[in-house]
Amino acid sequence: MKEEKALVIETLREWVKSSPYLIVLDYTGMKVSEFSELRGRLRKVGAAVKVVKNTLFKRAIGESALSGLDKDFVGQTAVVAGGKDAPAAAKVIKTFKAEFTRPVLRSGVMDGQLLGTKELLVLADLPSMDVLRGKILGVISAPASTLVRLLAEPGARLARVVRSKADAAPAAGV
């Protein structure tokens, strides 16, 4: 039994290390069907939710930066972790909570920083990584495209003057 616990702790430790974020939930009162629905929605955004035994998870995080989460590991606890898009996972949880009133956000960690409920809700309101990348690309490329238009304008203006003179010349010769 002791070896099984050690294996579970090591598995949880590796799972936590592989994710840039964690979101701690209280799933008290959720039906199995609701939890399965939440699990499916999170899977679509590259995240996973696991029900954890509080004592084992506390051992798994040990003395790391996540140790500030200890206070949140009471009662029925589930942890969400995943790939790179923390706002997408937080958004899924927020919309799911609006539909089913559960789960309750307790806290989270993102890039080593502890997050409270308010910060997690702000995170949920952020646009997805793809939208943010698109906005950054637009901001970066805007000055370059403006510069190209400014450099091309004198030549274009000269071409318009020549064209208007050429269009006007046959009319004047008649």
N, C-alpha and C. Protein backbone atom coordinates (compact mmCIF):
# COMPACT_ATOMS: atom_id res chain seq x y z
N MET A 1 0.82 -1.20 0.00
CA MET A 1 0.00 0.00 0.00
C MET A 1 0.86 1.26 0.00
N LYS A 2 1.95 1.21 0.73
CA LYS A 2 2.85 2.35 0.80
C LYS A 2 3.47 2.63 -0.56
N GLU A 3 3.81 1.58 -1.31
CA GLU A 3 4.39 1.74 -2.64
C GLU A 3 3.38 2.33 -3.61
N GLU A 4 2.11 1.96 -3.46
CA GLU A 4 1.07 2.50 -4.33
C GLU A 4 0.91 4.00 -4.10
N LYS A 5 0.94 4.42 -2.84
CA LYS A 5 0.83 5.84 -2.52
C LYS A 5 2.03 6.60 -3.10
N ALA A 6 3.21 6.03 -2.97
CA ALA A 6 4.41 6.67 -3.51
C ALA A 6 4.30 6.83 -5.02
N LEU A 7 3.75 5.83 -5.68
CA LEU A 7 3.56 5.89 -7.12
C LEU A 7 2.55 6.98 -7.49
N VAL A 8 1.45 7.07 -6.75
CA VAL A 8 0.43 8.10 -7.00
C VAL A 8 1.04 9.49 -6.79
N ILE A 9 1.80 9.64 -5.71
CA ILE A 9 2.43 10.93 -5.43
C ILE A 9 3.39 11.32 -6.54
N GLU A 10 4.18 10.39 -7.01
CA GLU A 10 5.12 10.67 -8.09
C GLU A 10 4.39 11.01 -9.39
N THR A 11 3.31 10.31 -9.67
CA THR A 11 2.50 10.60 -10.86
C THR A 11 1.93 12.00 -10.79
N LEU A 12 1.39 12.38 -9.64
CA LEU A 12 0.85 13.73 -9.46
C LEU A 12 1.95 14.78 -9.59
N ARG A 13 3.12 14.50 -9.04
CA ARG A 13 4.24 15.44 -9.11
C ARG A 13 4.64 15.69 -10.57
N GLU A 14 4.72 14.63 -11.36
CA GLU A 14 5.07 14.77 -12.77
C GLU A 14 3.98 15.52 -13.54
N TRP A 15 2.72 15.24 -13.22
CA TRP A 15 1.60 15.92 -13.87
C TRP A 15 1.66 17.42 -13.60
N VAL A 16 1.94 17.79 -12.35
CA VAL A 16 2.02 19.20 -11.96
C VAL A 16 3.20 19.87 -12.66
N LYS A 17 4.33 19.19 -12.73
CA LYS A 17 5.52 19.78 -13.36
C LYS A 17 5.32 20.00 -14.86
N SER A 18 4.49 19.19 -15.48
CA SER A 18 4.31 19.29 -16.93
C SER A 18 3.34 20.39 -17.34
N SER A 19 2.69 21.01 -16.38
CA SER A 19 1.70 22.04 -16.70
C SER A 19 2.15 23.41 -16.21
N PRO A 20 1.98 24.45 -17.03
CA PRO A 20 2.35 25.80 -16.59
C PRO A 20 1.32 26.42 -15.64
N TYR A 21 0.19 25.76 -15.46
CA TYR A 21 -0.85 26.29 -14.58
C TYR A 21 -1.58 25.17 -13.86
N LEU A 22 -2.19 25.53 -12.73
CA LEU A 22 -3.08 24.64 -11.99
C LEU A 22 -4.26 25.46 -11.52
N ILE A 23 -5.43 24.86 -11.55
CA ILE A 23 -6.62 25.50 -11.01
C ILE A 23 -7.25 24.51 -10.03
N VAL A 24 -7.45 24.96 -8.79
CA VAL A 24 -8.00 24.10 -7.75
C VAL A 24 -9.49 24.37 -7.63
N LEU A 25 -10.28 23.31 -7.67
CA LEU A 25 -11.73 23.40 -7.64
C LEU A 25 -12.31 22.63 -6.46
N ASP A 26 -13.45 23.09 -5.99
CA ASP A 26 -14.26 22.34 -5.02
C ASP A 26 -15.46 21.82 -5.80
N TYR A 27 -15.53 20.50 -5.95
CA TYR A 27 -16.61 19.94 -6.76
C TYR A 27 -17.74 19.35 -5.92
N THR A 28 -17.84 19.76 -4.68
CA THR A 28 -18.89 19.28 -3.79
C THR A 28 -20.27 19.49 -4.41
N GLY A 29 -21.07 18.46 -4.43
CA GLY A 29 -22.43 18.56 -4.93
C GLY A 29 -22.59 18.33 -6.42
N MET A 30 -21.52 18.10 -7.13
CA MET A 30 -21.63 17.86 -8.56
C MET A 30 -22.04 16.41 -8.81
N LYS A 31 -22.90 16.22 -9.79
CA LYS A 31 -23.29 14.88 -10.21
C LYS A 31 -22.19 14.31 -11.11
N VAL A 32 -22.16 12.99 -11.21
CA VAL A 32 -21.17 12.33 -12.05
C VAL A 32 -21.31 12.79 -13.50
N SER A 33 -22.53 12.93 -13.97
CA SER A 33 -22.75 13.36 -15.35
C SER A 33 -22.22 14.78 -15.58
N GLU A 34 -22.40 15.65 -14.59
CA GLU A 34 -21.89 17.02 -14.70
C GLU A 34 -20.36 17.02 -14.72
N PHE A 35 -19.76 16.21 -13.86
CA PHE A 35 -18.30 16.14 -13.81
C PHE A 35 -17.75 15.59 -15.12
N SER A 36 -18.43 14.61 -15.69
CA SER A 36 -18.01 14.06 -16.98
C SER A 36 -18.11 15.11 -18.07
N GLU A 37 -19.16 15.91 -18.03
CA GLU A 37 -19.33 17.00 -19.00
C GLU A 37 -18.20 18.02 -18.86
N LEU A 38 -17.87 18.38 -17.62
CA LEU A 38 -16.76 19.31 -17.38
C LEU A 38 -15.46 18.72 -17.91
N ARG A 39 -15.22 17.46 -17.64
CA ARG A 39 -14.00 16.79 -18.10
C ARG A 39 -13.91 16.84 -19.64
N GLY A 40 -15.03 16.59 -20.31
CA GLY A 40 -15.05 16.63 -21.77
C GLY A 40 -14.78 18.02 -22.33
N ARG A 41 -15.37 19.04 -21.72
CA ARG A 41 -15.16 20.41 -22.18
C ARG A 41 -13.70 20.83 -21.98
N LEU A 42 -13.12 20.44 -20.86
CA LEU A 42 -11.72 20.78 -20.60
C LEU A 42 -10.79 20.05 -21.57
N ARG A 43 -11.13 18.83 -21.90
CA ARG A 43 -10.31 18.05 -22.84
C ARG A 43 -10.23 18.76 -24.19
N LYS A 44 -11.33 19.40 -24.59
CA LYS A 44 -11.37 20.09 -25.88
C LYS A 44 -10.39 21.26 -25.95
N VAL A 45 -10.03 21.85 -24.79
CA VAL A 45 -9.09 22.97 -24.78
C VAL A 45 -7.70 22.53 -24.30
N GLY A 46 -7.48 21.22 -24.25
CA GLY A 46 -6.16 20.70 -23.90
C GLY A 46 -5.87 20.65 -22.41
N ALA A 47 -6.90 20.63 -21.60
CA ALA A 47 -6.72 20.57 -20.15
C ALA A 47 -7.33 19.28 -19.62
N ALA A 48 -6.94 18.93 -18.40
CA ALA A 48 -7.48 17.74 -17.75
C ALA A 48 -7.84 18.08 -16.32
N VAL A 49 -8.85 17.43 -15.82
CA VAL A 49 -9.25 17.61 -14.43
C VAL A 49 -9.11 16.27 -13.73
N LYS A 50 -8.52 16.30 -12.54
CA LYS A 50 -8.34 15.08 -11.76
C LYS A 50 -8.84 15.31 -10.35
N VAL A 51 -9.57 14.33 -9.86
CA VAL A 51 -9.96 14.33 -8.46
C VAL A 51 -8.75 13.84 -7.69
N VAL A 52 -8.38 14.57 -6.65
CA VAL A 52 -7.17 14.22 -5.91
C VAL A 52 -7.50 14.03 -4.44
N LYS A 53 -6.74 13.16 -3.82
CA LYS A 53 -6.82 13.00 -2.38
C LYS A 53 -5.94 14.10 -1.79
N ASN A 54 -6.51 14.90 -0.92
CA ASN A 54 -5.82 16.10 -0.43
C ASN A 54 -4.44 15.81 0.15
N THR A 55 -4.35 14.79 1.00
CA THR A 55 -3.06 14.51 1.64
C THR A 55 -2.00 14.09 0.63
N LEU A 56 -2.40 13.30 -0.36
CA LEU A 56 -1.44 12.88 -1.37
C LEU A 56 -0.99 14.05 -2.25
N PHE A 57 -1.92 14.94 -2.57
CA PHE A 57 -1.54 16.08 -3.40
C PHE A 57 -0.64 17.03 -2.63
N LYS A 58 -0.92 17.21 -1.34
CA LYS A 58 -0.05 18.06 -0.52
C LYS A 58 1.37 17.49 -0.50
N ARG A 59 1.49 16.19 -0.43
CA ARG A 59 2.81 15.57 -0.47
C ARG A 59 3.46 15.74 -1.84
N ALA A 60 2.65 15.67 -2.88
CA ALA A 60 3.18 15.79 -4.24
C ALA A 60 3.76 17.18 -4.49
N ILE A 61 3.09 18.22 -4.00
CA ILE A 61 3.60 19.56 -4.22
C ILE A 61 4.69 19.91 -3.22
N GLY A 62 4.70 19.27 -2.08
CA GLY A 62 5.78 19.41 -1.10
C GLY A 62 6.15 20.84 -0.79
N GLU A 63 7.43 21.13 -0.91
CA GLU A 63 7.98 22.45 -0.56
C GLU A 63 8.11 23.36 -1.77
N SER A 64 7.47 23.03 -2.86
CA SER A 64 7.61 23.84 -4.07
C SER A 64 6.85 25.16 -3.93
N ALA A 65 6.88 25.93 -5.00
CA ALA A 65 6.16 27.21 -5.03
C ALA A 65 4.66 27.00 -4.88
N LEU A 66 4.21 25.79 -5.12
CA LEU A 66 2.78 25.48 -5.03
C LEU A 66 2.33 25.25 -3.61
N SER A 67 3.26 25.24 -2.66
CA SER A 67 2.90 24.93 -1.29
C SER A 67 1.92 25.95 -0.70
N GLY A 68 1.78 27.12 -1.32
CA GLY A 68 0.80 28.10 -0.88
C GLY A 68 -0.63 27.65 -1.13
N LEU A 69 -0.79 26.60 -1.88
CA LEU A 69 -2.13 26.06 -2.16
C LEU A 69 -2.63 25.15 -1.05
N ASP A 70 -1.79 24.82 -0.08
CA ASP A 70 -2.16 23.86 0.97
C ASP A 70 -3.51 24.15 1.60
N LYS A 71 -3.78 25.41 1.85
CA LYS A 71 -5.03 25.78 2.52
C LYS A 71 -6.27 25.43 1.71
N ASP A 72 -6.11 25.28 0.40
CA ASP A 72 -7.24 25.00 -0.47
C ASP A 72 -7.53 23.52 -0.65
N PHE A 73 -6.70 22.67 -0.08
CA PHE A 73 -6.91 21.24 -0.20
C PHE A 73 -7.65 20.70 1.01
N VAL A 74 -8.94 21.03 1.04
CA VAL A 74 -9.86 20.53 2.05
C VAL A 74 -11.15 20.14 1.33
N GLY A 75 -11.83 19.15 1.85
CA GLY A 75 -13.08 18.73 1.23
C GLY A 75 -12.85 18.01 -0.08
N GLN A 76 -13.83 18.09 -0.95
CA GLN A 76 -13.74 17.42 -2.25
C GLN A 76 -13.01 18.33 -3.23
N THR A 77 -11.80 17.89 -3.59
CA THR A 77 -10.92 18.73 -4.39
C THR A 77 -10.63 18.10 -5.73
N ALA A 78 -10.66 18.92 -6.75
CA ALA A 78 -10.24 18.51 -8.08
C ALA A 78 -9.24 19.56 -8.57
N VAL A 79 -8.31 19.11 -9.39
CA VAL A 79 -7.28 20.00 -9.91
C VAL A 79 -7.30 19.95 -11.43
N VAL A 80 -7.25 21.14 -12.04
CA VAL A 80 -7.22 21.26 -13.50
C VAL A 80 -5.81 21.69 -13.88
N ALA A 81 -5.24 20.99 -14.85
CA ALA A 81 -3.93 21.35 -15.39
C ALA A 81 -3.95 21.00 -16.87
N GLY A 82 -3.00 21.54 -17.58
CA GLY A 82 -2.99 21.22 -19.01
C GLY A 82 -1.85 21.86 -19.74
N GLY A 83 -2.08 22.03 -21.03
CA GLY A 83 -1.06 22.54 -21.93
C GLY A 83 -0.72 23.98 -21.70
N LYS A 84 -0.89 24.79 -22.71
CA LYS A 84 -0.40 26.17 -22.66
C LYS A 84 -1.49 27.21 -22.45
N ASP A 85 -2.73 26.89 -22.73
CA ASP A 85 -3.77 27.91 -22.76
C ASP A 85 -4.58 27.94 -21.47
N ALA A 86 -4.03 28.57 -20.44
CA ALA A 86 -4.71 28.68 -19.15
C ALA A 86 -6.01 29.49 -19.25
N PRO A 87 -6.05 30.60 -20.02
CA PRO A 87 -7.31 31.33 -20.12
C PRO A 87 -8.46 30.48 -20.68
N ALA A 88 -8.15 29.61 -21.62
CA ALA A 88 -9.21 28.76 -22.19
C ALA A 88 -9.77 27.82 -21.13
N ALA A 89 -8.91 27.22 -20.32
CA ALA A 89 -9.37 26.32 -19.26
C ALA A 89 -10.19 27.09 -18.22
N ALA A 90 -9.72 28.27 -17.83
CA ALA A 90 -10.45 29.09 -16.87
C ALA A 90 -11.80 29.51 -17.43
N LYS A 91 -11.84 29.81 -18.72
CA LYS A 91 -13.09 30.21 -19.37
C LYS A 91 -14.10 29.04 -19.37
N VAL A 92 -13.61 27.83 -19.63
CA VAL A 92 -14.48 26.66 -19.61
C VAL A 92 -15.09 26.48 -18.22
N ILE A 93 -14.27 26.62 -17.20
CA ILE A 93 -14.76 26.46 -15.82
C ILE A 93 -15.77 27.54 -15.49
N LYS A 94 -15.49 28.77 -15.89
CA LYS A 94 -16.39 29.89 -15.60
C LYS A 94 -17.76 29.69 -16.27
N THR A 95 -17.76 29.31 -17.55
CA THR A 95 -19.03 29.11 -18.25
C THR A 95 -19.76 27.89 -17.70
N PHE A 96 -19.01 26.85 -17.33
CA PHE A 96 -19.64 25.66 -16.76
C PHE A 96 -20.30 26.01 -15.43
N LYS A 97 -19.62 26.80 -14.62
CA LYS A 97 -20.18 27.22 -13.33
C LYS A 97 -21.44 28.05 -13.54
N ALA A 98 -21.47 28.88 -14.57
CA ALA A 98 -22.66 29.68 -14.86
C ALA A 98 -23.85 28.79 -15.23
N GLU A 99 -23.57 27.67 -15.89
CA GLU A 99 -24.64 26.75 -16.28
C GLU A 99 -25.11 25.86 -15.13
N PHE A 100 -24.17 25.34 -14.36
CA PHE A 100 -24.49 24.31 -13.36
C PHE A 100 -24.28 24.75 -11.91
N THR A 101 -23.83 25.96 -11.66
CA THR A 101 -23.52 26.52 -10.34
C THR A 101 -22.36 25.83 -9.61
N ARG A 102 -21.81 24.84 -10.16
CA ARG A 102 -20.65 24.15 -9.59
C ARG A 102 -19.68 23.88 -10.74
N PRO A 103 -18.45 23.74 -10.53
CA PRO A 103 -17.64 23.71 -9.31
C PRO A 103 -17.31 25.12 -8.82
N VAL A 104 -16.78 25.18 -7.61
CA VAL A 104 -16.37 26.45 -7.01
C VAL A 104 -14.87 26.61 -7.20
N LEU A 105 -14.47 27.73 -7.73
CA LEU A 105 -13.04 28.04 -7.87
C LEU A 105 -12.46 28.33 -6.49
N ARG A 106 -11.34 27.71 -6.19
CA ARG A 106 -10.67 28.00 -4.92
C ARG A 106 -9.45 28.87 -5.14
N SER A 107 -8.54 28.39 -5.96
CA SER A 107 -7.30 29.14 -6.22
C SER A 107 -6.61 28.52 -7.43
N GLY A 108 -5.43 29.03 -7.72
CA GLY A 108 -4.67 28.49 -8.83
C GLY A 108 -3.24 28.97 -8.80
N VAL A 109 -2.49 28.46 -9.73
CA VAL A 109 -1.09 28.86 -9.90
C VAL A 109 -0.85 28.96 -11.39
N MET A 110 -0.16 30.05 -11.78
CA MET A 110 0.23 30.19 -13.17
C MET A 110 1.65 30.71 -13.21
N ASP A 111 2.53 29.96 -13.84
CA ASP A 111 3.95 30.31 -13.93
C ASP A 111 4.54 30.63 -12.56
N GLY A 112 4.17 29.84 -11.57
CA GLY A 112 4.74 29.98 -10.23
C GLY A 112 4.08 31.03 -9.36
N GLN A 113 3.12 31.78 -9.87
CA GLN A 113 2.43 32.82 -9.11
C GLN A 113 1.09 32.28 -8.61
N LEU A 114 0.82 32.47 -7.32
CA LEU A 114 -0.46 32.07 -6.76
C LEU A 114 -1.55 33.01 -7.25
N LEU A 115 -2.69 32.44 -7.60
CA LEU A 115 -3.83 33.21 -8.08
C LEU A 115 -5.03 32.94 -7.18
N GLY A 116 -5.73 34.00 -6.82
CA GLY A 116 -6.97 33.86 -6.08
C GLY A 116 -8.14 33.72 -7.03
N THR A 117 -9.32 33.67 -6.48
CA THR A 117 -10.53 33.53 -7.29
C THR A 117 -10.69 34.70 -8.25
N LYS A 118 -10.43 35.91 -7.77
CA LYS A 118 -10.59 37.10 -8.63
C LYS A 118 -9.63 37.04 -9.83
N GLU A 119 -8.40 36.65 -9.56
CA GLU A 119 -7.42 36.57 -10.65
C GLU A 119 -7.80 35.50 -11.66
N LEU A 120 -8.36 34.39 -11.18
CA LEU A 120 -8.79 33.32 -12.08
C LEU A 120 -9.95 33.79 -12.96
N LEU A 121 -10.86 34.58 -12.39
CA LEU A 121 -11.97 35.10 -13.19
C LEU A 121 -11.47 36.10 -14.23
N VAL A 122 -10.47 36.90 -13.88
CA VAL A 122 -9.87 37.82 -14.86
C VAL A 122 -9.19 37.01 -15.96
N LEU A 123 -8.51 35.94 -15.56
CA LEU A 123 -7.86 35.06 -16.53
C LEU A 123 -8.88 34.47 -17.49
N ALA A 124 -10.06 34.12 -16.97
CA ALA A 124 -11.11 33.54 -17.81
C ALA A 124 -11.65 34.54 -18.82
N ASP A 125 -11.55 35.82 -18.51
CA ASP A 125 -12.06 36.85 -19.43
C ASP A 125 -11.05 37.23 -20.51
N LEU A 126 -9.82 36.76 -20.40
CA LEU A 126 -8.82 37.05 -21.42
C LEU A 126 -9.16 36.32 -22.72
N PRO A 127 -8.80 36.90 -23.84
CA PRO A 127 -8.99 36.19 -25.10
C PRO A 127 -8.03 35.00 -25.20
N SER A 128 -8.30 34.11 -26.11
CA SER A 128 -7.45 32.93 -26.28
C SER A 128 -6.07 33.34 -26.80
N MET A 129 -5.13 32.42 -26.71
CA MET A 129 -3.76 32.68 -27.15
C MET A 129 -3.71 33.04 -28.63
N ASP A 130 -4.52 32.38 -29.44
CA ASP A 130 -4.52 32.67 -30.88
C ASP A 130 -4.98 34.10 -31.16
N VAL A 131 -6.00 34.55 -30.44
CA VAL A 131 -6.50 35.92 -30.61
C VAL A 131 -5.44 36.92 -30.16
N LEU A 132 -4.80 36.63 -29.01
CA LEU A 132 -3.74 37.53 -28.53
C LEU A 132 -2.56 37.58 -29.50
N ARG A 133 -2.19 36.44 -30.05
CA ARG A 133 -1.10 36.43 -31.03
C ARG A 133 -1.46 37.25 -32.26
N GLY A 134 -2.70 37.13 -32.70
CA GLY A 134 -3.16 37.91 -33.85
C GLY A 134 -3.11 39.40 -33.59
N LYS A 135 -3.51 39.79 -32.37
CA LYS A 135 -3.47 41.22 -32.02
C LYS A 135 -2.03 41.72 -31.97
N ILE A 136 -1.14 40.93 -31.39
CA ILE A 136 0.27 41.33 -31.31
C ILE A 136 0.86 41.44 -32.72
N LEU A 137 0.54 40.48 -33.57
CA LEU A 137 1.03 40.52 -34.95
C LEU A 137 0.52 41.76 -35.67
N GLY A 138 -0.74 42.11 -35.45
CA GLY A 138 -1.29 43.32 -36.06
C GLY A 138 -0.60 44.57 -35.57
N VAL A 139 -0.31 44.63 -34.27
CA VAL A 139 0.37 45.80 -33.71
C VAL A 139 1.79 45.90 -34.26
N ILE A 140 2.45 44.76 -34.41
CA ILE A 140 3.82 44.76 -34.91
C ILE A 140 3.87 45.12 -36.40
N SER A 141 2.93 44.61 -37.17
CA SER A 141 2.98 44.84 -38.62
C SER A 141 2.39 46.18 -39.04
N ALA A 142 1.61 46.84 -38.19
CA ALA A 142 0.99 48.11 -38.57
C ALA A 142 2.01 49.18 -38.92
N PRO A 143 3.05 49.41 -38.14
CA PRO A 143 4.02 50.44 -38.53
C PRO A 143 4.73 50.12 -39.85
N ALA A 144 5.02 48.86 -40.08
CA ALA A 144 5.69 48.48 -41.33
C ALA A 144 4.80 48.75 -42.53
N SER A 145 3.53 48.39 -42.44
CA SER A 145 2.64 48.63 -43.58
C SER A 145 2.39 50.12 -43.78
N THR A 146 2.36 50.90 -42.71
CA THR A 146 2.22 52.35 -42.84
C THR A 146 3.45 52.93 -43.52
N LEU A 147 4.62 52.45 -43.15
CA LEU A 147 5.86 52.92 -43.77
C LEU A 147 5.87 52.62 -45.26
N VAL A 148 5.44 51.42 -45.64
CA VAL A 148 5.40 51.05 -47.06
C VAL A 148 4.45 51.96 -47.82
N ARG A 149 3.29 52.24 -47.25
CA ARG A 149 2.33 53.15 -47.91
C ARG A 149 2.91 54.56 -48.05
N LEU A 150 3.59 55.05 -47.02
CA LEU A 150 4.19 56.38 -47.08
C LEU A 150 5.30 56.46 -48.13
N LEU A 151 6.11 55.41 -48.22
CA LEU A 151 7.18 55.40 -49.22
C LEU A 151 6.63 55.30 -50.64
N ALA A 152 5.52 54.62 -50.80
CA ALA A 152 4.95 54.44 -52.14
C ALA A 152 4.11 55.64 -52.57
N GLU A 153 3.69 56.48 -51.65
CA GLU A 153 2.78 57.58 -51.96
C GLU A 153 3.36 58.60 -52.94
N PRO A 154 4.60 59.07 -52.81
CA PRO A 154 5.09 60.06 -53.81
C PRO A 154 5.07 59.50 -55.23
N GLY A 155 5.47 58.26 -55.41
CA GLY A 155 5.45 57.64 -56.74
C GLY A 155 4.02 57.50 -57.25
N ALA A 156 3.11 57.12 -56.38
CA ALA A 156 1.71 56.97 -56.77
C ALA A 156 1.11 58.32 -57.12
N ARG A 157 1.47 59.35 -56.37
CA ARG A 157 0.96 60.69 -56.65
C ARG A 157 1.47 61.17 -58.01
N LEU A 158 2.75 60.94 -58.29
CA LEU A 158 3.32 61.31 -59.59
C LEU A 158 2.61 60.57 -60.73
N ALA A 159 2.33 59.29 -60.51
CA ALA A 159 1.64 58.49 -61.54
C ALA A 159 0.24 59.04 -61.78
N ARG A 160 -0.45 59.47 -60.72
CA ARG A 160 -1.80 60.04 -60.88
C ARG A 160 -1.74 61.36 -61.65
N VAL A 161 -0.73 62.18 -61.40
CA VAL A 161 -0.59 63.46 -62.11
C VAL A 161 -0.31 63.21 -63.59
N VAL A 162 0.59 62.28 -63.88
CA VAL A 162 0.91 61.95 -65.27
C VAL A 162 -0.32 61.41 -65.98
N ARG A 163 -1.07 60.53 -65.30
CA ARG A 163 -2.28 59.96 -65.90
C ARG A 163 -3.31 61.05 -66.18
N SER A 164 -3.49 61.98 -65.25
CA SER A 164 -4.48 63.03 -65.46
C SER A 164 -4.05 63.95 -66.62
N LYS A 165 -2.74 64.20 -66.74
CA LYS A 165 -2.25 65.00 -67.88
C LYS A 165 -2.45 64.24 -69.19
N ALA A 166 -2.19 62.92 -69.15
CA ALA A 166 -2.36 62.11 -70.37
C ALA A 166 -3.83 62.04 -70.75
N ASP A 167 -4.70 61.92 -69.78
CA ASP A 167 -6.14 61.88 -70.07
C ASP A 167 -6.64 63.22 -70.58
N ALA A 168 -6.07 64.29 -70.06
CA ALA A 168 -6.51 65.64 -70.45
C ALA A 168 -5.93 66.06 -71.81
N ALA A 169 -4.80 65.54 -72.21
CA ALA A 169 -4.12 65.96 -73.43
C ALA A 169 -4.94 65.68 -74.69
N PRO A 170 -5.52 64.51 -74.91
CA PRO A 170 -6.28 64.30 -76.14
C PRO A 170 -7.52 65.20 -76.23
N ALA A 171 -8.09 65.53 -75.12
CA ALA A 171 -9.28 66.39 -75.13
C ALA A 171 -8.89 67.81 -75.55
N ALA A 172 -7.72 68.23 -75.13
CA ALA A 172 -7.28 69.60 -75.47
C ALA A 172 -6.88 69.71 -76.94
N GLY A 173 -6.41 68.63 -77.54
CA GLY A 173 -5.97 68.65 -78.93
C GLY A 173 -7.11 68.65 -79.91
N VAL A 174 -8.34 68.38 -79.58
CA VAL A 174 -9.46 68.29 -80.50
C VAL A 174 -9.97 69.60 -80.89
